[in-house]
Each structure stands twice: as structure tokens, then as C-alpha cells.
């Protein structure tokens, strides 16, 4: 055994894998790291706020630390993917090995992960070796940030408003159509009804209306200390290529920037149209992220 091998073993023996039951304690441990890159880790940060609010049952929260120093942290709200953040990238390989060993030993199951692209693929390769579960790309994502809206863009006809209870039926239908377009599992209608009702009650859904007809929608979500996420942008096929989505996102992003320092959104990198639209509004790409799923080898 070489001296460097002994050093690695000693370091690994000092690592500690800690699972948290209390979201506030978890945030106290990792909060400073989230704030350092609040835009890049906005998904993690925003979901943590929702866990604190009691919006998720049985969340999984864990940290890998050494001598009290955080090396990595993880979060999952089943059935959603496991979100992975590494702090010490210089020791990525040994930290991933330690993470995988503990997940297997603790019997913590997950069907997919979401993380920065490089991190996610390194985890997936090692997970396949350990468990025999191969990975597949569910979505190649670009993470974009907006600080200032491009006000020079010409608006499409119509105006925006908050969604109301009377809009529920069309939003529920579009919710499932959005999932289909994004290649996501289609949610049961009863679940969609509950979520849409909550979104409308919290004034999180915005719609674009032209001549009394609803032609596009979007949603705000996961507010953090300084930012907010834009998502669920959808226009039905018969109303596309008229600029409605771009105008709606521009208008609402501008509105949100009155209360937040920045907006963020995830895009499907396989959809050049949406990426072009967001860049025109003023969104700038800040990171590459992927959502990977796992299948048992035959």
C-alpha cells in the first residue's frame, strides 16, 4: 500500500454521513453554502423552504462532513429526484464513493438524481458499478438567470393577470400537456386539481389573455432570500409562434424583479426555441444541469 493510499483511507475514516430529521437544523448546517451560489442552487434552496413549511412528507436531508466541515449535502422529496451538491470538488471521487456506500448501507432508494452535469454523471457511473443500475438522460437542462429585462422587445397583443378559480379546468389540462411536452410522468388528475387549486390560491399562476381568450400561462415558485424561479411556461399548439409566451415571461419577470434581485429558470437544452426566447428576454445561462434516471440492468 502506497502512502497516498493510506492518507485517503485515513481521510475517509474521518468522514461522517449525517441524516437530518429537522429542516431548520439542516439549513443551519448548509445555509451559508446555498447563499454563496443562491442562483445555481436555487432549486435546492427553494425546496428546502417548502420542506420547512411542511409541504412535503418524509423528506430526506443529509450531509457529508469532516471535522465539522461540510463536504457535500443532499435532499430528496419523494417521488422527486435526489438533489446533490458537492462543496469540496478537489476530493470529488472519494466523497462520491463515501456517499454511495452510505446510501447502499442505509437502504435509501432513489430512482433519479438532479445535479450539475459533471457531478451527476460522475455519481451515475459509480452508482451503476455499485448497484448494476444504468442511467438514462431524462432532461438536459440549462439554468438561466435574469437580472434585468430587455424592455426593447415588442409585446404581443393582450395582457396578463393572475389565474382565478374559474381558470382551473384549462390550467389543469395544460399542466398535463406541459408534462407530456417535457417528457415527464403524467400526474393523476386528482393530484393536478389539488396542486392547481393551491397555485391559484397562492397567486403563483399567471396567464396571458388576448381578446378574452387565455393563450399562455406560467408560474412562479421556490422563492429564496434574493431570487425566485420561473417555470411551467406553456402555450397550446394552436397559439404558438405568436410571441405570447415570450411576452408573458417578460412581463411577469419584470414584475417579480420589483421584489427580488433575480429570477432563474430551467430550460430543456433540446428545445432551441425556448432557449432563444429566454435569451431575448435577458436571461443568461449560468450552469448546465441534468436529470438522470436509473434502470435495473437486465
C-alpha atoms as a PDB file:
ATOM      1  CA  UNK A   1       0.000   0.000   0.000  1.00  0.00           C
ATOM      2  CA  UNK A   2       1.331   3.396  -1.044  1.00  0.00           C
ATOM      3  CA  UNK A   3       1.492   6.363   1.368  1.00  0.00           C
ATOM      4  CA  UNK A   4      -1.120   8.253  -0.653  1.00  0.00           C
ATOM      5  CA  UNK A   5      -3.499   5.276  -0.323  1.00  0.00           C
ATOM      6  CA  UNK A   6      -3.074   5.306   3.468  1.00  0.00           C
ATOM      7  CA  UNK A   7      -3.791   9.036   3.512  1.00  0.00           C
ATOM      8  CA  UNK A   8      -7.033   8.547   1.551  1.00  0.00           C
ATOM      9  CA  UNK A   9      -8.179   5.756   3.879  1.00  0.00           C
ATOM     10  CA  UNK A  10      -7.484   7.916   6.904  1.00  0.00           C
ATOM     11  CA  UNK A  11      -9.449  10.808   5.418  1.00  0.00           C
ATOM     12  CA  UNK A  12     -12.394   8.583   4.552  1.00  0.00           C
ATOM     13  CA  UNK A  13     -12.427   7.177   8.083  1.00  0.00           C
ATOM     14  CA  UNK A  14     -12.823  10.726   9.376  1.00  0.00           C
ATOM     15  CA  UNK A  15     -15.789  11.453   7.106  1.00  0.00           C
ATOM     16  CA  UNK A  16     -19.229  11.417   8.683  1.00  0.00           C
ATOM     17  CA  UNK A  17     -22.566  10.855   6.967  1.00  0.00           C
ATOM     18  CA  UNK A  18     -25.346  12.584   8.890  1.00  0.00           C
ATOM     19  CA  UNK A  19     -29.065  12.354   8.105  1.00  0.00           C
ATOM     20  CA  UNK A  20     -31.236  15.215   9.370  1.00  0.00           C
ATOM     21  CA  UNK A  21     -34.821  14.996  10.567  1.00  0.00           C
ATOM     22  CA  UNK A  22     -35.205  18.721  11.260  1.00  0.00           C
ATOM     23  CA  UNK A  23     -35.118  21.029   8.220  1.00  0.00           C
ATOM     24  CA  UNK A  24     -34.097  24.032  10.321  1.00  0.00           C
ATOM     25  CA  UNK A  25     -31.066  22.202  11.694  1.00  0.00           C
ATOM     26  CA  UNK A  26     -30.219  21.108   8.154  1.00  0.00           C
ATOM     27  CA  UNK A  27     -30.431  24.690   6.892  1.00  0.00           C
ATOM     28  CA  UNK A  28     -28.246  25.935   9.749  1.00  0.00           C
ATOM     29  CA  UNK A  29     -25.579  23.479   8.591  1.00  0.00           C
ATOM     30  CA  UNK A  30     -25.671  24.195   4.849  1.00  0.00           C
ATOM     31  CA  UNK A  31     -27.298  27.627   4.563  1.00  0.00           C
ATOM     32  CA  UNK A  32     -24.074  29.559   4.039  1.00  0.00           C
ATOM     33  CA  UNK A  33     -23.143  27.350   1.058  1.00  0.00           C
ATOM     34  CA  UNK A  34     -26.566  27.839  -0.535  1.00  0.00           C
ATOM     35  CA  UNK A  35     -26.317  31.611  -0.162  1.00  0.00           C
ATOM     36  CA  UNK A  36     -22.874  31.661  -1.785  1.00  0.00           C
ATOM     37  CA  UNK A  37     -24.441  30.355  -5.013  1.00  0.00           C
ATOM     38  CA  UNK A  38     -28.083  31.143  -4.407  1.00  0.00           C
ATOM     39  CA  UNK A  39     -28.869  31.255  -8.130  1.00  0.00           C
ATOM     40  CA  UNK A  40     -27.120  27.988  -9.083  1.00  0.00           C
ATOM     41  CA  UNK A  41     -28.597  26.115  -6.106  1.00  0.00           C
ATOM     42  CA  UNK A  42     -31.989  27.841  -6.209  1.00  0.00           C
ATOM     43  CA  UNK A  43     -33.844  24.544  -6.698  1.00  0.00           C
ATOM     44  CA  UNK A  44     -32.250  23.032  -3.594  1.00  0.00           C
ATOM     45  CA  UNK A  45     -32.770  26.237  -1.591  1.00  0.00           C
ATOM     46  CA  UNK A  46     -36.377  26.689  -2.673  1.00  0.00           C
ATOM     47  CA  UNK A  47     -37.368  23.089  -1.970  1.00  0.00           C
ATOM     48  CA  UNK A  48     -35.780  23.370   1.478  1.00  0.00           C
ATOM     49  CA  UNK A  49     -38.053  26.348   2.236  1.00  0.00           C
ATOM     50  CA  UNK A  50     -41.038  24.226   1.183  1.00  0.00           C
ATOM     51  CA  UNK A  51     -39.878  21.402   3.479  1.00  0.00           C
ATOM     52  CA  UNK A  52     -39.685  23.887   6.349  1.00  0.00           C
ATOM     53  CA  UNK A  53     -43.234  24.999   5.527  1.00  0.00           C
ATOM     54  CA  UNK A  54     -44.425  21.378   5.808  1.00  0.00           C
ATOM     55  CA  UNK A  55     -45.280  20.984   2.137  1.00  0.00           C
ATOM     56  CA  UNK A  56     -43.523  17.611   1.754  1.00  0.00           C
ATOM     57  CA  UNK A  57     -43.898  14.335   3.612  1.00  0.00           C
ATOM     58  CA  UNK A  58     -40.856  12.252   4.578  1.00  0.00           C
ATOM     59  CA  UNK A  59     -38.129  14.448   3.077  1.00  0.00           C
ATOM     60  CA  UNK A  60     -34.584  13.101   3.013  1.00  0.00           C
ATOM     61  CA  UNK A  61     -31.810  15.510   4.087  1.00  0.00           C
ATOM     62  CA  UNK A  62     -28.186  14.519   4.637  1.00  0.00           C
ATOM     63  CA  UNK A  63     -24.676  15.930   4.882  1.00  0.00           C
ATOM     64  CA  UNK A  64     -21.186  14.509   4.484  1.00  0.00           C
ATOM     65  CA  UNK A  65     -18.785  16.315   6.790  1.00  0.00           C
ATOM     66  CA  UNK A  66     -15.257  16.002   8.123  1.00  0.00           C
ATOM     67  CA  UNK A  67     -14.143  17.651  11.349  1.00  0.00           C
ATOM     68  CA  UNK A  68     -17.328  19.706  11.216  1.00  0.00           C
ATOM     69  CA  UNK A  69     -16.648  20.940   7.671  1.00  0.00           C
ATOM     70  CA  UNK A  70     -19.329  20.248   5.050  1.00  0.00           C
ATOM     71  CA  UNK A  71     -18.077  18.282   2.040  1.00  0.00           C
ATOM     72  CA  UNK A  72     -21.424  17.576   0.335  1.00  0.00           C
ATOM     73  CA  UNK A  73     -25.157  17.682   1.016  1.00  0.00           C
ATOM     74  CA  UNK A  74     -28.260  16.001  -0.380  1.00  0.00           C
ATOM     75  CA  UNK A  75     -32.023  16.450  -0.427  1.00  0.00           C
ATOM     76  CA  UNK A  76     -34.971  14.439  -1.717  1.00  0.00           C
ATOM     77  CA  UNK A  77     -38.738  14.820  -1.528  1.00  0.00           C
ATOM     78  CA  UNK A  78     -40.088  11.504  -2.904  1.00  0.00           C
ATOM     79  CA  UNK A  79     -41.066  10.878  -5.660  1.00  0.00           C
ATOM     80  CA  UNK A  80     -38.930  13.780  -6.878  1.00  0.00           C
ATOM     81  CA  UNK A  81     -35.218  13.296  -7.719  1.00  0.00           C
ATOM     82  CA  UNK A  82     -32.358  13.293  -5.259  1.00  0.00           C
ATOM     83  CA  UNK A  83     -30.638  16.698  -5.452  1.00  0.00           C
ATOM     84  CA  UNK A  84     -26.864  16.526  -4.953  1.00  0.00           C
ATOM     85  CA  UNK A  85     -24.406  19.331  -4.119  1.00  0.00           C
ATOM     86  CA  UNK A  86     -20.670  18.889  -3.628  1.00  0.00           C
ATOM     87  CA  UNK A  87     -18.689  21.505  -1.722  1.00  0.00           C
ATOM     88  CA  UNK A  88     -15.136  20.110  -1.926  1.00  0.00           C
ATOM     89  CA  UNK A  89     -14.592  19.368  -5.625  1.00  0.00           C
ATOM     90  CA  UNK A  90     -10.895  18.567  -5.113  1.00  0.00           C
ATOM     91  CA  UNK A  91     -11.886  15.313  -3.391  1.00  0.00           C
ATOM     92  CA  UNK A  92     -14.892  14.527  -5.531  1.00  0.00           C
ATOM     93  CA  UNK A  93     -14.101  10.877  -6.238  1.00  0.00           C
ATOM     94  CA  UNK A  94     -13.637   9.801  -2.628  1.00  0.00           C
ATOM     95  CA  UNK A  95     -16.646  11.831  -1.478  1.00  0.00           C
ATOM     96  CA  UNK A  96     -18.836  10.178  -4.138  1.00  0.00           C
ATOM     97  CA  UNK A  97     -17.566   6.734  -3.102  1.00  0.00           C
ATOM     98  CA  UNK A  98     -18.383   7.529   0.540  1.00  0.00           C
ATOM     99  CA  UNK A  99     -21.828   8.857  -0.441  1.00  0.00           C
ATOM    100  CA  UNK A 100     -22.695   5.752  -2.471  1.00  0.00           C
ATOM    101  CA  UNK A 101     -21.501   3.332   0.209  1.00  0.00           C
ATOM    102  CA  UNK A 102     -23.670   5.040   2.825  1.00  0.00           C
ATOM    103  CA  UNK A 103     -26.746   5.238   0.603  1.00  0.00           C
ATOM    104  CA  UNK A 104     -26.498   1.496  -0.037  1.00  0.00           C
ATOM    105  CA  UNK A 105     -25.811   0.609   3.607  1.00  0.00           C
ATOM    106  CA  UNK A 106     -28.680   2.790   4.846  1.00  0.00           C
ATOM    107  CA  UNK A 107     -31.020   1.383   2.189  1.00  0.00           C
ATOM    108  CA  UNK A 108     -32.020   4.810   0.901  1.00  0.00           C
ATOM    109  CA  UNK A 109     -33.640   4.348  -2.506  1.00  0.00           C
ATOM    110  CA  UNK A 110     -33.932   6.870  -5.314  1.00  0.00           C
ATOM    111  CA  UNK A 111     -34.965   6.480  -8.941  1.00  0.00           C
ATOM    112  CA  UNK A 112     -33.366   9.651 -10.294  1.00  0.00           C
ATOM    113  CA  UNK A 113     -30.934  12.428  -9.458  1.00  0.00           C
ATOM    114  CA  UNK A 114     -30.586  16.080 -10.383  1.00  0.00           C
ATOM    115  CA  UNK A 115     -27.333  17.991 -10.117  1.00  0.00           C
ATOM    116  CA  UNK A 116     -24.781  19.974 -12.086  1.00  0.00           C
ATOM    117  CA  UNK A 117     -23.974  17.960 -15.201  1.00  0.00           C
ATOM    118  CA  UNK A 118     -20.415  16.899 -14.343  1.00  0.00           C
ATOM    119  CA  UNK A 119     -21.335  15.895 -10.791  1.00  0.00           C
ATOM    120  CA  UNK A 120     -24.418  13.952 -11.879  1.00  0.00           C
ATOM    121  CA  UNK A 121     -22.600  11.847 -14.468  1.00  0.00           C
ATOM    122  CA  UNK A 122     -19.758  11.023 -12.082  1.00  0.00           C
ATOM    123  CA  UNK A 123     -22.278   9.856  -9.478  1.00  0.00           C
ATOM    124  CA  UNK A 124     -24.257   7.879 -12.084  1.00  0.00           C
ATOM    125  CA  UNK A 125     -21.212   5.991 -13.349  1.00  0.00           C
ATOM    126  CA  UNK A 126     -20.162   4.945  -9.855  1.00  0.00           C
ATOM    127  CA  UNK A 127     -23.754   4.119  -8.890  1.00  0.00           C
ATOM    128  CA  UNK A 128     -24.008   1.794 -11.884  1.00  0.00           C
ATOM    129  CA  UNK A 129     -20.810  -0.027 -10.871  1.00  0.00           C
ATOM    130  CA  UNK A 130     -22.055  -0.413  -7.290  1.00  0.00           C
ATOM    131  CA  UNK A 131     -25.707  -1.330  -7.916  1.00  0.00           C
ATOM    132  CA  UNK A 132     -25.943  -2.503 -11.535  1.00  0.00           C
ATOM    133  CA  UNK A 133     -28.460   0.266 -12.308  1.00  0.00           C
ATOM    134  CA  UNK A 134     -27.697   2.000 -15.584  1.00  0.00           C
ATOM    135  CA  UNK A 135     -28.561   5.653 -16.070  1.00  0.00           C
ATOM    136  CA  UNK A 136     -30.525   7.440 -18.757  1.00  0.00           C
ATOM    137  CA  UNK A 137     -30.865  11.132 -19.522  1.00  0.00           C
ATOM    138  CA  UNK A 138     -34.318  12.378 -18.573  1.00  0.00           C
ATOM    139  CA  UNK A 139     -33.577  16.028 -19.285  1.00  0.00           C
ATOM    140  CA  UNK A 140     -30.529  18.007 -20.323  1.00  0.00           C
ATOM    141  CA  UNK A 141     -31.114  21.319 -18.604  1.00  0.00           C
ATOM    142  CA  UNK A 142     -29.750  24.821 -18.850  1.00  0.00           C
ATOM    143  CA  UNK A 143     -30.054  27.048 -15.784  1.00  0.00           C
ATOM    144  CA  UNK A 144     -30.596  30.709 -16.622  1.00  0.00           C
ATOM    145  CA  UNK A 145     -30.549  33.887 -14.515  1.00  0.00           C
ATOM    146  CA  UNK A 146     -32.203  37.231 -15.174  1.00  0.00           C
ATOM    147  CA  UNK A 147     -31.113  40.491 -13.540  1.00  0.00           C
ATOM    148  CA  UNK A 148     -32.765  42.955 -15.928  1.00  0.00           C
ATOM    149  CA  UNK A 149     -35.450  42.555 -18.572  1.00  0.00           C
ATOM    150  CA  UNK A 150     -34.827  43.611 -22.175  1.00  0.00           C
ATOM    151  CA  UNK A 151     -37.523  46.263 -22.438  1.00  0.00           C
ATOM    152  CA  UNK A 152     -36.902  46.723 -26.191  1.00  0.00           C
ATOM    153  CA  UNK A 153     -38.858  43.578 -27.052  1.00  0.00           C
ATOM    154  CA  UNK A 154     -42.157  44.170 -28.820  1.00  0.00           C
ATOM    155  CA  UNK A 155     -45.135  42.795 -26.885  1.00  0.00           C
ATOM    156  CA  UNK A 156     -47.761  40.500 -28.356  1.00  0.00           C
ATOM    157  CA  UNK A 157     -51.370  41.688 -28.120  1.00  0.00           C
ATOM    158  CA  UNK A 158     -53.176  41.106 -24.861  1.00  0.00           C
ATOM    159  CA  UNK A 159     -52.450  41.495 -21.166  1.00  0.00           C
ATOM    160  CA  UNK A 160     -51.517  39.412 -18.124  1.00  0.00           C
ATOM    161  CA  UNK A 161     -53.451  38.672 -14.963  1.00  0.00           C
ATOM    162  CA  UNK A 162     -53.382  36.284 -12.024  1.00  0.00           C
ATOM    163  CA  UNK A 163     -55.161  32.997 -12.632  1.00  0.00           C
ATOM    164  CA  UNK A 164     -58.534  32.661 -10.940  1.00  0.00           C
ATOM    165  CA  UNK A 165     -60.574  29.698  -9.755  1.00  0.00           C
ATOM    166  CA  UNK A 166     -62.667  29.867 -12.933  1.00  0.00           C
ATOM    167  CA  UNK A 167     -59.488  29.165 -14.923  1.00  0.00           C
ATOM    168  CA  UNK A 168     -58.830  25.870 -13.097  1.00  0.00           C
ATOM    169  CA  UNK A 169     -60.076  23.497 -15.814  1.00  0.00           C
ATOM    170  CA  UNK A 170     -57.860  24.897 -18.571  1.00  0.00           C
ATOM    171  CA  UNK A 171     -54.823  25.130 -16.293  1.00  0.00           C
ATOM    172  CA  UNK A 172     -55.290  21.511 -15.179  1.00  0.00           C
ATOM    173  CA  UNK A 173     -55.437  20.416 -18.820  1.00  0.00           C
ATOM    174  CA  UNK A 174     -52.357  22.464 -19.720  1.00  0.00           C
ATOM    175  CA  UNK A 175     -50.478  21.131 -16.696  1.00  0.00           C
ATOM    176  CA  UNK A 176     -50.673  17.592 -18.101  1.00  0.00           C
ATOM    177  CA  UNK A 177     -49.872  18.815 -21.621  1.00  0.00           C
ATOM    178  CA  UNK A 178     -46.796  20.583 -20.237  1.00  0.00           C
ATOM    179  CA  UNK A 179     -45.697  17.321 -18.591  1.00  0.00           C
ATOM    180  CA  UNK A 180     -46.182  15.491 -21.873  1.00  0.00           C
ATOM    181  CA  UNK A 181     -44.151  18.058 -23.830  1.00  0.00           C
ATOM    182  CA  UNK A 182     -41.367  17.905 -21.231  1.00  0.00           C
ATOM    183  CA  UNK A 183     -41.262  14.099 -21.240  1.00  0.00           C
ATOM    184  CA  UNK A 184     -42.322  13.955 -17.591  1.00  0.00           C
ATOM    185  CA  UNK A 185     -44.589  11.334 -15.997  1.00  0.00           C
ATOM    186  CA  UNK A 186     -48.218  12.406 -16.351  1.00  0.00           C
ATOM    187  CA  UNK A 187     -49.683  13.301 -12.947  1.00  0.00           C
ATOM    188  CA  UNK A 188     -53.083  11.844 -11.953  1.00  0.00           C
ATOM    189  CA  UNK A 189     -55.843  14.381 -12.477  1.00  0.00           C
ATOM    190  CA  UNK A 190     -56.863  14.433  -8.799  1.00  0.00           C
ATOM    191  CA  UNK A 191     -53.306  15.350  -7.859  1.00  0.00           C
ATOM    192  CA  UNK A 192     -53.241  18.033 -10.554  1.00  0.00           C
ATOM    193  CA  UNK A 193     -56.522  19.517  -9.285  1.00  0.00           C
ATOM    194  CA  UNK A 194     -55.102  19.875  -5.757  1.00  0.00           C
ATOM    195  CA  UNK A 195     -51.879  21.434  -6.973  1.00  0.00           C
ATOM    196  CA  UNK A 196     -53.582  23.884  -9.328  1.00  0.00           C
ATOM    197  CA  UNK A 197     -56.000  24.934  -6.577  1.00  0.00           C
ATOM    198  CA  UNK A 198     -53.045  25.625  -4.286  1.00  0.00           C
ATOM    199  CA  UNK A 199     -51.169  27.526  -7.026  1.00  0.00           C
ATOM    200  CA  UNK A 200     -54.184  29.743  -7.703  1.00  0.00           C
ATOM    201  CA  UNK A 201     -54.834  30.350  -4.007  1.00  0.00           C
ATOM    202  CA  UNK A 202     -51.203  31.433  -3.543  1.00  0.00           C
ATOM    203  CA  UNK A 203     -51.351  33.631  -6.683  1.00  0.00           C
ATOM    204  CA  UNK A 204     -48.497  31.719  -8.299  1.00  0.00           C
ATOM    205  CA  UNK A 205     -50.043  31.213 -11.753  1.00  0.00           C
ATOM    206  CA  UNK A 206     -50.081  34.000 -14.342  1.00  0.00           C
ATOM    207  CA  UNK A 207     -51.928  33.905 -17.635  1.00  0.00           C
ATOM    208  CA  UNK A 208     -51.807  35.921 -20.856  1.00  0.00           C
ATOM    209  CA  UNK A 209     -55.190  36.778 -22.290  1.00  0.00           C
ATOM    210  CA  UNK A 210     -55.958  38.141 -25.732  1.00  0.00           C
ATOM    211  CA  UNK A 211     -59.482  39.274 -26.640  1.00  0.00           C
ATOM    212  CA  UNK A 212     -60.881  37.368 -23.672  1.00  0.00           C
ATOM    213  CA  UNK A 213     -59.110  34.122 -24.569  1.00  0.00           C
ATOM    214  CA  UNK A 214     -56.391  32.551 -22.398  1.00  0.00           C
ATOM    215  CA  UNK A 215     -53.449  31.833 -24.705  1.00  0.00           C
ATOM    216  CA  UNK A 216     -50.456  31.201 -22.415  1.00  0.00           C
ATOM    217  CA  UNK A 217     -49.528  30.569 -18.794  1.00  0.00           C
ATOM    218  CA  UNK A 218     -46.531  30.496 -16.446  1.00  0.00           C
ATOM    219  CA  UNK A 219     -45.800  30.056 -12.763  1.00  0.00           C
ATOM    220  CA  UNK A 220     -43.524  31.472 -10.086  1.00  0.00           C
ATOM    221  CA  UNK A 221     -42.133  29.168  -7.411  1.00  0.00           C
ATOM    222  CA  UNK A 222     -39.409  28.463  -4.857  1.00  0.00           C
ATOM    223  CA  UNK A 223     -38.624  31.962  -3.588  1.00  0.00           C
ATOM    224  CA  UNK A 224     -35.238  32.222  -1.867  1.00  0.00           C
ATOM    225  CA  UNK A 225     -33.664  35.104   0.013  1.00  0.00           C
ATOM    226  CA  UNK A 226     -32.897  37.110  -3.132  1.00  0.00           C
ATOM    227  CA  UNK A 227     -34.400  35.198  -6.041  1.00  0.00           C
ATOM    228  CA  UNK A 228     -37.437  33.415  -7.433  1.00  0.00           C
ATOM    229  CA  UNK A 229     -37.937  30.672 -10.020  1.00  0.00           C
ATOM    230  CA  UNK A 230     -39.981  30.958 -13.208  1.00  0.00           C
ATOM    231  CA  UNK A 231     -41.476  27.793 -14.681  1.00  0.00           C
ATOM    232  CA  UNK A 232     -44.465  25.910 -16.074  1.00  0.00           C
ATOM    233  CA  UNK A 233     -44.368  28.106 -19.187  1.00  0.00           C
ATOM    234  CA  UNK A 234     -46.934  26.708 -21.599  1.00  0.00           C
ATOM    235  CA  UNK A 235     -48.766  27.793 -24.745  1.00  0.00           C
ATOM    236  CA  UNK A 236     -51.138  25.380 -26.554  1.00  0.00           C
ATOM    237  CA  UNK A 237     -50.050  24.365 -30.042  1.00  0.00           C
ATOM    238  CA  UNK A 238     -52.715  26.394 -31.821  1.00  0.00           C
ATOM    239  CA  UNK A 239     -51.451  29.605 -30.161  1.00  0.00           C
ATOM    240  CA  UNK A 240     -47.716  29.088 -30.588  1.00  0.00           C
ATOM    241  CA  UNK A 241     -45.379  31.201 -32.743  1.00  0.00           C
ATOM    242  CA  UNK A 242     -47.325  34.349 -31.845  1.00  0.00           C
ATOM    243  CA  UNK A 243     -44.962  35.546 -29.114  1.00  0.00           C
ATOM    244  CA  UNK A 244     -47.393  35.045 -26.249  1.00  0.00           C
ATOM    245  CA  UNK A 245     -45.048  33.039 -24.006  1.00  0.00           C
ATOM    246  CA  UNK A 246     -42.163  35.457 -24.540  1.00  0.00           C
ATOM    247  CA  UNK A 247     -44.339  38.456 -23.747  1.00  0.00           C
ATOM    248  CA  UNK A 248     -45.828  36.809 -20.660  1.00  0.00           C
ATOM    249  CA  UNK A 249     -42.461  35.716 -19.272  1.00  0.00           C
ATOM    250  CA  UNK A 250     -41.030  39.172 -19.976  1.00  0.00           C
ATOM    251  CA  UNK A 251     -43.933  40.917 -18.213  1.00  0.00           C
ATOM    252  CA  UNK A 252     -44.002  38.677 -15.157  1.00  0.00           C
ATOM    253  CA  UNK A 253     -40.217  38.554 -14.828  1.00  0.00           C
ATOM    254  CA  UNK A 254     -40.235  42.350 -14.774  1.00  0.00           C
ATOM    255  CA  UNK A 255     -42.956  42.262 -12.128  1.00  0.00           C
ATOM    256  CA  UNK A 256     -41.045  39.751  -9.997  1.00  0.00           C
ATOM    257  CA  UNK A 257     -37.866  41.821 -10.163  1.00  0.00           C
ATOM    258  CA  UNK A 258     -39.682  44.516  -8.193  1.00  0.00           C
ATOM    259  CA  UNK A 259     -39.426  42.232  -5.148  1.00  0.00           C
ATOM    260  CA  UNK A 260     -36.433  40.006  -5.984  1.00  0.00           C
ATOM    261  CA  UNK A 261     -32.875  40.677  -7.128  1.00  0.00           C
ATOM    262  CA  UNK A 262     -33.024  37.982  -9.805  1.00  0.00           C
ATOM    263  CA  UNK A 263     -35.168  35.344 -11.498  1.00  0.00           C
ATOM    264  CA  UNK A 264     -33.987  31.879 -12.509  1.00  0.00           C
ATOM    265  CA  UNK A 265     -35.412  29.217 -14.775  1.00  0.00           C
ATOM    266  CA  UNK A 266     -34.537  25.786 -16.113  1.00  0.00           C
ATOM    267  CA  UNK A 267     -34.781  25.080 -19.825  1.00  0.00           C
ATOM    268  CA  UNK A 268     -34.714  21.912 -21.879  1.00  0.00           C
ATOM    269  CA  UNK A 269     -31.494  22.223 -23.884  1.00  0.00           C
ATOM    270  CA  UNK A 270     -33.097  20.048 -26.585  1.00  0.00           C
ATOM    271  CA  UNK A 271     -35.635  22.816 -27.221  1.00  0.00           C
ATOM    272  CA  UNK A 272     -33.786  25.592 -29.091  1.00  0.00           C
ATOM    273  CA  UNK A 273     -36.931  27.726 -29.366  1.00  0.00           C
ATOM    274  CA  UNK A 274     -37.445  28.200 -25.645  1.00  0.00           C
ATOM    275  CA  UNK A 275     -33.740  28.821 -25.060  1.00  0.00           C
ATOM    276  CA  UNK A 276     -33.775  31.516 -27.753  1.00  0.00           C
ATOM    277  CA  UNK A 277     -36.850  33.162 -26.264  1.00  0.00           C
ATOM    278  CA  UNK A 278     -35.400  33.390 -22.765  1.00  0.00           C
ATOM    279  CA  UNK A 279     -32.124  34.836 -24.032  1.00  0.00           C
ATOM    280  CA  UNK A 280     -34.070  37.504 -25.909  1.00  0.00           C
ATOM    281  CA  UNK A 281     -35.810  38.489 -22.678  1.00  0.00           C
ATOM    282  CA  UNK A 282     -32.448  38.878 -20.926  1.00  0.00           C
ATOM    283  CA  UNK A 283     -31.886  35.524 -19.237  1.00  0.00           C
ATOM    284  CA  UNK A 284     -28.245  34.393 -19.224  1.00  0.00           C
ATOM    285  CA  UNK A 285     -27.075  30.812 -18.836  1.00  0.00           C
ATOM    286  CA  UNK A 286     -25.191  30.214 -15.578  1.00  0.00           C
ATOM    287  CA  UNK A 287     -24.951  26.419 -15.330  1.00  0.00           C
ATOM    288  CA  UNK A 288     -25.530  23.047 -17.013  1.00  0.00           C
ATOM    289  CA  UNK A 289     -27.700  20.635 -15.074  1.00  0.00           C
ATOM    290  CA  UNK A 290     -29.083  17.176 -15.806  1.00  0.00           C
ATOM    291  CA  UNK A 291     -31.875  14.983 -14.533  1.00  0.00           C
ATOM    292  CA  UNK A 292     -30.792  11.334 -14.739  1.00  0.00           C
ATOM    293  CA  UNK A 293     -32.964   8.270 -14.157  1.00  0.00           C
ATOM    294  CA  UNK A 294     -31.817   4.766 -13.192  1.00  0.00           C
ATOM    295  CA  UNK A 295     -32.914   1.384 -14.543  1.00  0.00           C
ATOM    296  CA  UNK A 296     -32.063  -2.093 -13.338  1.00  0.00           C
ATOM    297  CA  UNK A 297     -29.822  -3.970 -15.742  1.00  0.00           C
ATOM    298  CA  UNK A 298     -31.492  -6.932 -17.374  1.00  0.00           C
END
